[in-house]
Amino acid sequence: MGFLFVDRIDALDEHHARGHLDLRPGHTALPPWLVLEAIGQLAAWVAMARTDFASRPVAALVGEARLGATAWRETVGGSVELTAHLERLDGRAVLYSGAAVCGDREIARLTRCVGPLLPVALFDDPEVVRQRLATLRSGGGAPRDVPASFPPALDLTVDADGVRRARLQVPDEAPYFTDHFPRRRVFPATLLAAALDALAAPAAEAALGGGPARAVVLRDYKVRAFSEPGQVLDIVAEPEGVADGLATVRISAVMDGKRTASGRFDYRVEP
């Protein structure tokens, strides 16, 4: 499985795009973190086209990501419709939002997202990227399979106060590095979010008195540095309390003593 999740683009202008993520019928739902990745990638296509493939945004801040129940438990076959909107683009960063819809249900929504702009050439061949967009706009490729194992296993400990800690080893080699990115391999921020969720969800279930608990909101998710092949991240999930049926867990990742990511998950017990 590659790591490009926009399979077709039906419309694109300086501010908006509409595209599709295609899945083979009969597979279980794509992990919701990859649906969020798809929305972000569609926004990146708008930004790259607007800068004539000189610049691209990289993950830095997700103000809020909302995940519908469909993103977690229903079978997805066929197409997920993606939309992205650039609210602002200057020489330094983009501010964007977007959504993913399956059938008549919204399965994910991003708001208040910020992506600093860096040269496309640092990550990929600009001409190859330009040609890829032309292919997406002319019909795209074949439906993809869902990954068999997701996310990676964690080396987990639980403190007496309920704080959960683990070590996450970024692999030296992985299929997604081919796409993320050809010229600079970087551990995707959405896969880090998936690992943080795997650590935090049991803490939320304990706070809610039962499970399974599913993340419904990711808030103020800040990524401060790239995580590269071979690096080790110390990740932490700290319960903050329960209000209105939602358990909030604060999450963070540290590498070499420096915080590389932080944010908060809100969880609800699913029927």
C-alpha atoms as a PDB file:
ATOM      1  CA  MET A   1       0.000   0.000   0.000  1.00  0.00           C
ATOM      2  CA  GLY A   2       1.324   3.425  -0.940  1.00  0.00           C
ATOM      3  CA  PHE A   3       0.752   6.659   0.906  1.00  0.00           C
ATOM      4  CA  LEU A   4      -1.054   8.767  -1.686  1.00  0.00           C
ATOM      5  CA  PHE A   5      -4.750   8.864  -0.813  1.00  0.00           C
ATOM      6  CA  VAL A   6      -6.270  11.152  -3.419  1.00  0.00           C
ATOM      7  CA  ASP A   7      -7.181   8.908  -6.351  1.00  0.00           C
ATOM      8  CA  ARG A   8      -9.179  11.345  -8.510  1.00  0.00           C
ATOM      9  CA  ILE A   9      -9.675  15.111  -8.594  1.00  0.00           C
ATOM     10  CA  ASP A  10     -12.910  16.372 -10.171  1.00  0.00           C
ATOM     11  CA  ALA A  11     -12.513  20.097  -9.524  1.00  0.00           C
ATOM     12  CA  LEU A  12      -9.650  22.365  -8.520  1.00  0.00           C
ATOM     13  CA  ASP A  13      -9.165  26.131  -8.442  1.00  0.00           C
ATOM     14  CA  GLU A  14      -7.091  28.592  -6.404  1.00  0.00           C
ATOM     15  CA  HIS A  15      -9.106  28.028  -3.225  1.00  0.00           C
ATOM     16  CA  HIS A  16     -11.026  24.751  -3.474  1.00  0.00           C
ATOM     17  CA  ALA A  17     -10.768  21.160  -4.624  1.00  0.00           C
ATOM     18  CA  ARG A  18     -13.060  18.153  -4.769  1.00  0.00           C
ATOM     19  CA  GLY A  19     -11.617  14.679  -5.106  1.00  0.00           C
ATOM     20  CA  HIS A  20     -12.123  11.014  -4.259  1.00  0.00           C
ATOM     21  CA  LEU A  21     -10.454   8.250  -2.302  1.00  0.00           C
ATOM     22  CA  ASP A  22     -11.394   4.904  -3.872  1.00  0.00           C
ATOM     23  CA  LEU A  23     -11.487   1.629  -1.935  1.00  0.00           C
ATOM     24  CA  ARG A  24     -12.134  -1.924  -3.033  1.00  0.00           C
ATOM     25  CA  PRO A  25     -15.711  -2.986  -2.102  1.00  0.00           C
ATOM     26  CA  GLY A  26     -16.040  -5.306   0.884  1.00  0.00           C
ATOM     27  CA  HIS A  27     -13.078  -4.086   2.890  1.00  0.00           C
ATOM     28  CA  THR A  28     -13.480  -2.748   6.406  1.00  0.00           C
ATOM     29  CA  ALA A  29     -13.260   0.998   6.908  1.00  0.00           C
ATOM     30  CA  LEU A  30      -9.972   2.708   6.168  1.00  0.00           C
ATOM     31  CA  PRO A  31      -8.306   3.821   9.428  1.00  0.00           C
ATOM     32  CA  PRO A  32      -9.680   7.319  10.096  1.00  0.00           C
ATOM     33  CA  TRP A  33      -6.193   8.789  10.412  1.00  0.00           C
ATOM     34  CA  LEU A  34      -5.642   7.943   6.751  1.00  0.00           C
ATOM     35  CA  VAL A  35      -8.924   9.644   5.832  1.00  0.00           C
ATOM     36  CA  LEU A  36      -7.554  12.783   7.527  1.00  0.00           C
ATOM     37  CA  GLU A  37      -4.343  12.284   5.558  1.00  0.00           C
ATOM     38  CA  ALA A  38      -6.375  12.228   2.345  1.00  0.00           C
ATOM     39  CA  ILE A  39      -8.048  15.549   3.171  1.00  0.00           C
ATOM     40  CA  GLY A  40      -4.672  17.120   3.918  1.00  0.00           C
ATOM     41  CA  GLN A  41      -3.213  15.766   0.691  1.00  0.00           C
ATOM     42  CA  LEU A  42      -6.060  17.270  -1.322  1.00  0.00           C
ATOM     43  CA  ALA A  43      -5.388  20.658   0.307  1.00  0.00           C
ATOM     44  CA  ALA A  44      -1.705  20.217  -0.568  1.00  0.00           C
ATOM     45  CA  TRP A  45      -2.629  19.720  -4.248  1.00  0.00           C
ATOM     46  CA  VAL A  46      -4.425  23.073  -4.230  1.00  0.00           C
ATOM     47  CA  ALA A  47      -1.414  24.797  -2.649  1.00  0.00           C
ATOM     48  CA  MET A  48       1.113  23.183  -4.986  1.00  0.00           C
ATOM     49  CA  ALA A  49      -0.900  24.033  -8.087  1.00  0.00           C
ATOM     50  CA  ARG A  50      -1.369  27.598  -6.868  1.00  0.00           C
ATOM     51  CA  THR A  51       2.399  28.065  -6.374  1.00  0.00           C
ATOM     52  CA  ASP A  52       3.135  26.380  -9.741  1.00  0.00           C
ATOM     53  CA  PHE A  53       4.741  23.458  -7.874  1.00  0.00           C
ATOM     54  CA  ALA A  54       7.346  25.636  -6.183  1.00  0.00           C
ATOM     55  CA  SER A  55       6.018  25.088  -2.626  1.00  0.00           C
ATOM     56  CA  ARG A  56       4.041  22.546  -0.660  1.00  0.00           C
ATOM     57  CA  PRO A  57       2.569  22.554   2.862  1.00  0.00           C
ATOM     58  CA  VAL A  58       3.787  20.125   5.534  1.00  0.00           C
ATOM     59  CA  ALA A  59       1.888  19.068   8.648  1.00  0.00           C
ATOM     60  CA  ALA A  60       2.235  21.454  11.595  1.00  0.00           C
ATOM     61  CA  LEU A  61      -1.114  22.165  13.274  1.00  0.00           C
ATOM     62  CA  VAL A  62      -4.547  20.580  13.233  1.00  0.00           C
ATOM     63  CA  GLY A  63      -6.824  22.949  15.103  1.00  0.00           C
ATOM     64  CA  GLU A  64      -9.596  20.365  15.194  1.00  0.00           C
ATOM     65  CA  ALA A  65     -10.279  17.017  13.538  1.00  0.00           C
ATOM     66  CA  ARG A  66     -13.721  15.474  13.998  1.00  0.00           C
ATOM     67  CA  LEU A  67     -14.283  11.783  13.298  1.00  0.00           C
ATOM     68  CA  GLY A  68     -17.746  10.378  12.667  1.00  0.00           C
ATOM     69  CA  ALA A  69     -18.739   6.870  13.715  1.00  0.00           C
ATOM     70  CA  THR A  70     -18.689   5.761  10.078  1.00  0.00           C
ATOM     71  CA  ALA A  71     -14.955   6.419   9.976  1.00  0.00           C
ATOM     72  CA  TRP A  72     -14.455   3.717  12.609  1.00  0.00           C
ATOM     73  CA  ARG A  73     -16.834   0.801  12.154  1.00  0.00           C
ATOM     74  CA  GLU A  74     -18.758   0.704   8.888  1.00  0.00           C
ATOM     75  CA  THR A  75     -17.626  -1.045   5.740  1.00  0.00           C
ATOM     76  CA  VAL A  76     -16.404   1.343   3.076  1.00  0.00           C
ATOM     77  CA  GLY A  77     -16.703   0.174  -0.508  1.00  0.00           C
ATOM     78  CA  GLY A  78     -16.461   2.434  -3.504  1.00  0.00           C
ATOM     79  CA  SER A  79     -15.656   6.096  -3.098  1.00  0.00           C
ATOM     80  CA  VAL A  80     -15.056   8.586  -0.301  1.00  0.00           C
ATOM     81  CA  GLU A  81     -15.651  12.155  -1.492  1.00  0.00           C
ATOM     82  CA  LEU A  82     -13.030  14.651  -0.306  1.00  0.00           C
ATOM     83  CA  THR A  83     -13.209  18.436  -0.218  1.00  0.00           C
ATOM     84  CA  ALA A  84     -10.551  20.970   0.707  1.00  0.00           C
ATOM     85  CA  HIS A  85     -10.630  24.747   1.073  1.00  0.00           C
ATOM     86  CA  LEU A  86      -7.622  27.079   1.372  1.00  0.00           C
ATOM     87  CA  GLU A  87      -8.697  29.954   3.578  1.00  0.00           C
ATOM     88  CA  ARG A  88      -5.357  31.742   3.325  1.00  0.00           C
ATOM     89  CA  LEU A  89      -2.053  31.271   1.537  1.00  0.00           C
ATOM     90  CA  ASP A  90       0.956  33.565   1.888  1.00  0.00           C
ATOM     91  CA  GLY A  91       4.664  33.087   1.383  1.00  0.00           C
ATOM     92  CA  ARG A  92       5.057  31.180   4.639  1.00  0.00           C
ATOM     93  CA  ALA A  93       2.049  28.921   5.235  1.00  0.00           C
ATOM     94  CA  VAL A  94      -1.489  27.890   4.325  1.00  0.00           C
ATOM     95  CA  LEU A  95      -4.603  27.859   6.483  1.00  0.00           C
ATOM     96  CA  TYR A  96      -7.034  25.198   5.303  1.00  0.00           C
ATOM     97  CA  SER A  97     -10.053  23.060   6.127  1.00  0.00           C
ATOM     98  CA  GLY A  98     -11.767  20.086   4.539  1.00  0.00           C
ATOM     99  CA  ALA A  99     -14.062  17.100   4.895  1.00  0.00           C
ATOM    100  CA  ALA A 100     -14.627  13.493   3.828  1.00  0.00           C
ATOM    101  CA  VAL A 101     -18.066  12.058   3.050  1.00  0.00           C
ATOM    102  CA  CYS A 102     -19.014   8.409   2.443  1.00  0.00           C
ATOM    103  CA  GLY A 103     -22.486   8.032   0.944  1.00  0.00           C
ATOM    104  CA  ASP A 104     -24.655  10.494   2.830  1.00  0.00           C
ATOM    105  CA  ARG A 105     -22.511  10.544   5.980  1.00  0.00           C
ATOM    106  CA  GLU A 106     -19.658  12.851   6.882  1.00  0.00           C
ATOM    107  CA  ILE A 107     -16.891  10.663   8.271  1.00  0.00           C
ATOM    108  CA  ALA A 108     -14.216  13.270   8.988  1.00  0.00           C
ATOM    109  CA  ARG A 109     -13.737  17.050   9.087  1.00  0.00           C
ATOM    110  CA  LEU A 110     -10.635  19.211   9.498  1.00  0.00           C
ATOM    111  CA  THR A 111     -10.742  22.855  10.587  1.00  0.00           C
ATOM    112  CA  ARG A 112      -8.150  25.505  11.477  1.00  0.00           C
ATOM    113  CA  CYS A 113      -5.228  23.572   9.988  1.00  0.00           C
ATOM    114  CA  VAL A 114      -1.904  25.278   9.308  1.00  0.00           C
ATOM    115  CA  GLY A 115       0.821  23.965   7.017  1.00  0.00           C
ATOM    116  CA  PRO A 116       4.140  25.794   6.622  1.00  0.00           C
ATOM    117  CA  LEU A 117       5.245  26.073   2.992  1.00  0.00           C
ATOM    118  CA  LEU A 118       8.525  24.442   1.999  1.00  0.00           C
ATOM    119  CA  PRO A 119      10.059  23.906  -1.455  1.00  0.00           C
ATOM    120  CA  VAL A 120       8.511  20.969  -3.332  1.00  0.00           C
ATOM    121  CA  ALA A 121      11.985  20.049  -4.592  1.00  0.00           C
ATOM    122  CA  LEU A 122      13.086  19.155  -1.038  1.00  0.00           C
ATOM    123  CA  PHE A 123      10.606  16.280  -1.028  1.00  0.00           C
ATOM    124  CA  ASP A 124       9.883  15.268  -4.628  1.00  0.00           C
ATOM    125  CA  ASP A 125      10.634  16.048  -8.264  1.00  0.00           C
ATOM    126  CA  PRO A 126       8.375  19.037  -9.096  1.00  0.00           C
ATOM    127  CA  GLU A 127       7.850  17.835 -12.671  1.00  0.00           C
ATOM    128  CA  VAL A 128       6.802  14.378 -11.497  1.00  0.00           C
ATOM    129  CA  VAL A 129       4.351  16.009  -9.071  1.00  0.00           C
ATOM    130  CA  ARG A 130       2.963  18.192 -11.876  1.00  0.00           C
ATOM    131  CA  GLN A 131       2.395  15.104 -14.042  1.00  0.00           C
ATOM    132  CA  ARG A 132       0.779  13.246 -11.145  1.00  0.00           C
ATOM    133  CA  LEU A 133      -1.787  16.017 -10.748  1.00  0.00           C
ATOM    134  CA  ALA A 134      -2.567  15.844 -14.463  1.00  0.00           C
ATOM    135  CA  THR A 135      -3.205  12.096 -14.077  1.00  0.00           C
ATOM    136  CA  LEU A 136      -5.499  12.643 -11.075  1.00  0.00           C
ATOM    137  CA  ARG A 137      -7.493  15.240 -13.003  1.00  0.00           C
ATOM    138  CA  SER A 138      -7.865  12.952 -16.008  1.00  0.00           C
ATOM    139  CA  GLY A 139      -9.308   9.975 -14.133  1.00  0.00           C
ATOM    140  CA  GLY A 140      -6.777   8.709 -11.597  1.00  0.00           C
ATOM    141  CA  GLY A 141      -5.846   5.127 -10.768  1.00  0.00           C
ATOM    142  CA  ALA A 142      -7.284   1.849  -9.452  1.00  0.00           C
ATOM    143  CA  PRO A 143      -8.993   1.337  -6.064  1.00  0.00           C
ATOM    144  CA  ARG A 144      -6.635   0.539  -3.197  1.00  0.00           C
ATOM    145  CA  ASP A 145      -6.550  -2.149  -0.552  1.00  0.00           C
ATOM    146  CA  VAL A 146      -6.823  -1.385   3.158  1.00  0.00           C
ATOM    147  CA  PRO A 147      -3.650  -2.070   5.201  1.00  0.00           C
ATOM    148  CA  ALA A 148      -3.746  -5.388   7.056  1.00  0.00           C
ATOM    149  CA  SER A 149      -2.023  -4.144  10.224  1.00  0.00           C
ATOM    150  CA  PHE A 150      -2.386  -0.647  11.625  1.00  0.00           C
ATOM    151  CA  PRO A 151      -0.903   1.070  13.636  1.00  0.00           C
ATOM    152  CA  PRO A 152       2.492  -0.394  14.706  1.00  0.00           C
ATOM    153  CA  ALA A 153       2.856  -2.197  18.047  1.00  0.00           C
ATOM    154  CA  LEU A 154       3.998  -0.197  21.072  1.00  0.00           C
ATOM    155  CA  ASP A 155       6.307  -0.972  23.996  1.00  0.00           C
ATOM    156  CA  LEU A 156       3.839   0.083  26.693  1.00  0.00           C
ATOM    157  CA  THR A 157       4.018   0.902  30.412  1.00  0.00           C
ATOM    158  CA  VAL A 158       1.291   2.323  32.664  1.00  0.00           C
ATOM    159  CA  ASP A 159       2.107   4.526  35.658  1.00  0.00           C
ATOM    160  CA  ALA A 160       0.271   4.259  38.955  1.00  0.00           C
ATOM    161  CA  ASP A 161      -1.543   7.526  38.245  1.00  0.00           C
ATOM    162  CA  GLY A 162      -2.934   6.175  34.967  1.00  0.00           C
ATOM    163  CA  VAL A 163      -0.426   7.928  32.702  1.00  0.00           C
ATOM    164  CA  ARG A 164       0.509   5.613  29.851  1.00  0.00           C
ATOM    165  CA  ARG A 165       3.955   5.693  28.275  1.00  0.00           C
ATOM    166  CA  ALA A 166       5.444   3.889  25.317  1.00  0.00           C
ATOM    167  CA  ARG A 167       8.344   3.966  22.883  1.00  0.00           C
ATOM    168  CA  LEU A 168       7.664   4.232  19.185  1.00  0.00           C
ATOM    169  CA  GLN A 169      10.436   3.121  16.839  1.00  0.00           C
ATOM    170  CA  VAL A 170      10.276   4.783  13.436  1.00  0.00           C
ATOM    171  CA  PRO A 171      11.220   1.986  11.004  1.00  0.00           C
ATOM    172  CA  ASP A 172      14.356   2.191   8.922  1.00  0.00           C
ATOM    173  CA  GLU A 173      12.346   0.990   5.924  1.00  0.00           C
ATOM    174  CA  ALA A 174       8.606   1.105   5.217  1.00  0.00           C
ATOM    175  CA  PRO A 175       6.442   1.092   2.062  1.00  0.00           C
ATOM    176  CA  TYR A 176       5.031   4.555   2.806  1.00  0.00           C
ATOM    177  CA  PHE A 177       8.472   6.187   2.563  1.00  0.00           C
ATOM    178  CA  THR A 178       8.266   5.762  -1.215  1.00  0.00           C
ATOM    179  CA  ASP A 179       5.515   8.405  -1.280  1.00  0.00           C
ATOM    180  CA  HIS A 180       6.325  10.248   1.951  1.00  0.00           C
ATOM    181  CA  PHE A 181       8.656  11.451   0.512  1.00  0.00           C
ATOM    182  CA  PRO A 182      10.900  10.292  -2.367  1.00  0.00           C
ATOM    183  CA  ARG A 183      13.639  12.859  -1.631  1.00  0.00           C
ATOM    184  CA  ARG A 184      13.233  13.046   2.156  1.00  0.00           C
ATOM    185  CA  ARG A 185      11.747  10.141   4.066  1.00  0.00           C
ATOM    186  CA  VAL A 186       9.560  11.352   6.925  1.00  0.00           C
ATOM    187  CA  PHE A 187       7.289   9.440   9.338  1.00  0.00           C
ATOM    188  CA  PRO A 188       3.763  10.720   8.541  1.00  0.00           C
ATOM    189  CA  ALA A 189       2.145  12.875  11.237  1.00  0.00           C
ATOM    190  CA  THR A 190      -1.094  10.920  10.770  1.00  0.00           C
ATOM    191  CA  LEU A 191       0.672   7.640  11.631  1.00  0.00           C
ATOM    192  CA  LEU A 192       2.050   9.312  14.743  1.00  0.00           C
ATOM    193  CA  ALA A 193      -1.523  10.340  15.606  1.00  0.00           C
ATOM    194  CA  ALA A 194      -2.602   6.710  15.128  1.00  0.00           C
ATOM    195  CA  ALA A 195       0.097   5.497  17.520  1.00  0.00           C
ATOM    196  CA  LEU A 196      -0.853   8.157  20.069  1.00  0.00           C
ATOM    197  CA  ASP A 197      -4.488   7.084  19.799  1.00  0.00           C
ATOM    198  CA  ALA A 198      -3.521   3.442  20.371  1.00  0.00           C
ATOM    199  CA  LEU A 199      -1.790   4.568  23.568  1.00  0.00           C
ATOM    200  CA  ALA A 200      -4.533   6.934  24.734  1.00  0.00           C
ATOM    201  CA  ALA A 201      -7.704   4.934  23.982  1.00  0.00           C
ATOM    202  CA  PRO A 202      -7.338   2.431  26.873  1.00  0.00           C
ATOM    203  CA  ALA A 203      -6.824   5.345  29.272  1.00  0.00           C
ATOM    204  CA  ALA A 204     -10.064   6.880  28.012  1.00  0.00           C
ATOM    205  CA  GLU A 205     -11.889   3.568  28.360  1.00  0.00           C
ATOM    206  CA  ALA A 206     -10.772   3.306  31.995  1.00  0.00           C
ATOM    207  CA  ALA A 207     -11.937   6.865  32.676  1.00  0.00           C
ATOM    208  CA  LEU A 208     -15.312   6.212  31.036  1.00  0.00           C
ATOM    209  CA  GLY A 209     -15.831   2.966  32.943  1.00  0.00           C
ATOM    210  CA  GLY A 210     -15.960   0.695  29.926  1.00  0.00           C
ATOM    211  CA  GLY A 211     -15.295   0.415  26.227  1.00  0.00           C
ATOM    212  CA  PRO A 212     -14.590   0.368  23.467  1.00  0.00           C
ATOM    213  CA  ALA A 213     -13.902   4.083  23.377  1.00  0.00           C
ATOM    214  CA  ARG A 214     -13.390   5.789  20.043  1.00  0.00           C
ATOM    215  CA  ALA A 215     -11.709   9.119  19.396  1.00  0.00           C
ATOM    216  CA  VAL A 216     -14.263  11.638  18.167  1.00  0.00           C
ATOM    217  CA  VAL A 217     -12.133  14.806  18.263  1.00  0.00           C
ATOM    218  CA  LEU A 218      -8.425  15.547  17.979  1.00  0.00           C
ATOM    219  CA  ARG A 219      -7.663  19.109  19.124  1.00  0.00           C
ATOM    220  CA  ASP A 220      -4.632  21.378  18.889  1.00  0.00           C
ATOM    221  CA  TYR A 221      -2.439  18.671  17.390  1.00  0.00           C
ATOM    222  CA  LYS A 222       0.921  20.351  16.885  1.00  0.00           C
ATOM    223  CA  VAL A 223       3.833  18.707  15.086  1.00  0.00           C
ATOM    224  CA  ARG A 224       7.029  20.608  15.766  1.00  0.00           C
ATOM    225  CA  ALA A 225       9.650  18.500  13.979  1.00  0.00           C
ATOM    226  CA  PHE A 226      10.055  15.761  11.385  1.00  0.00           C
ATOM    227  CA  SER A 227      10.465  12.188  12.648  1.00  0.00           C
ATOM    228  CA  GLU A 228      12.894  10.353  10.394  1.00  0.00           C
ATOM    229  CA  PRO A 229      13.742   6.662   9.819  1.00  0.00           C
ATOM    230  CA  GLY A 230      15.424   4.987  12.786  1.00  0.00           C
ATOM    231  CA  GLN A 231      14.483   7.603  15.354  1.00  0.00           C
ATOM    232  CA  VAL A 232      12.799   6.653  18.639  1.00  0.00           C
ATOM    233  CA  LEU A 233       9.926   8.671  20.096  1.00  0.00           C
ATOM    234  CA  ASP A 234       8.810   8.547  23.732  1.00  0.00           C
ATOM    235  CA  ILE A 235       5.039   8.987  23.648  1.00  0.00           C
ATOM    236  CA  VAL A 236       2.752   9.777  26.579  1.00  0.00           C
ATOM    237  CA  ALA A 237      -1.024   9.736  27.172  1.00  0.00           C
ATOM    238  CA  GLU A 238      -2.309  11.480  30.306  1.00  0.00           C
ATOM    239  CA  PRO A 239      -6.040  11.396  31.236  1.00  0.00           C
ATOM    240  CA  GLU A 240      -7.455  14.842  32.026  1.00  0.00           C
ATOM    241  CA  GLY A 241     -11.025  14.039  33.080  1.00  0.00           C
ATOM    242  CA  VAL A 242     -14.549  13.318  31.864  1.00  0.00           C
ATOM    243  CA  ALA A 243     -17.241  15.870  30.971  1.00  0.00           C
ATOM    244  CA  ASP A 244     -20.517  15.472  29.076  1.00  0.00           C
ATOM    245  CA  GLY A 245     -19.746  11.851  28.295  1.00  0.00           C
ATOM    246  CA  LEU A 246     -16.355  12.633  26.768  1.00  0.00           C
ATOM    247  CA  ALA A 247     -12.998  11.598  28.222  1.00  0.00           C
ATOM    248  CA  THR A 248     -10.121  13.929  27.374  1.00  0.00           C
ATOM    249  CA  VAL A 249      -6.583  12.573  27.119  1.00  0.00           C
ATOM    250  CA  ARG A 250      -3.542  14.787  26.622  1.00  0.00           C
ATOM    251  CA  ILE A 251      -0.938  13.273  24.310  1.00  0.00           C
ATOM    252  CA  SER A 252       2.669  14.132  23.496  1.00  0.00           C
ATOM    253  CA  ALA A 253       5.755  12.786  21.742  1.00  0.00           C
ATOM    254  CA  VAL A 254       9.363  13.540  22.728  1.00  0.00           C
ATOM    255  CA  MET A 255      12.551  12.808  20.838  1.00  0.00           C
ATOM    256  CA  ASP A 256      16.024  13.358  22.306  1.00  0.00           C
ATOM    257  CA  GLY A 257      14.492  15.394  25.142  1.00  0.00           C
ATOM    258  CA  LYS A 258      12.592  17.741  22.808  1.00  0.00           C
ATOM    259  CA  ARG A 259       8.830  17.718  22.335  1.00  0.00           C
ATOM    260  CA  THR A 260       7.970  16.914  18.722  1.00  0.00           C
ATOM    261  CA  ALA A 261       4.169  16.655  18.957  1.00  0.00           C
ATOM    262  CA  SER A 262       1.314  17.375  21.370  1.00  0.00           C
ATOM    263  CA  GLY A 263      -2.458  17.640  21.464  1.00  0.00           C
ATOM    264  CA  ARG A 264      -5.650  16.306  23.023  1.00  0.00           C
ATOM    265  CA  PHE A 265      -8.054  13.504  22.124  1.00  0.00           C
ATOM    266  CA  ASP A 266     -11.709  13.434  23.158  1.00  0.00           C
ATOM    267  CA  TYR A 267     -13.203   9.923  23.417  1.00  0.00           C
ATOM    268  CA  ARG A 268     -16.742   8.566  23.634  1.00  0.00           C
ATOM    269  CA  VAL A 269     -17.877   5.029  24.415  1.00  0.00           C
ATOM    270  CA  GLU A 270     -19.424   3.637  21.230  1.00  0.00           C
ATOM    271  CA  PRO A 271     -22.514   1.389  21.387  1.00  0.00           C
END
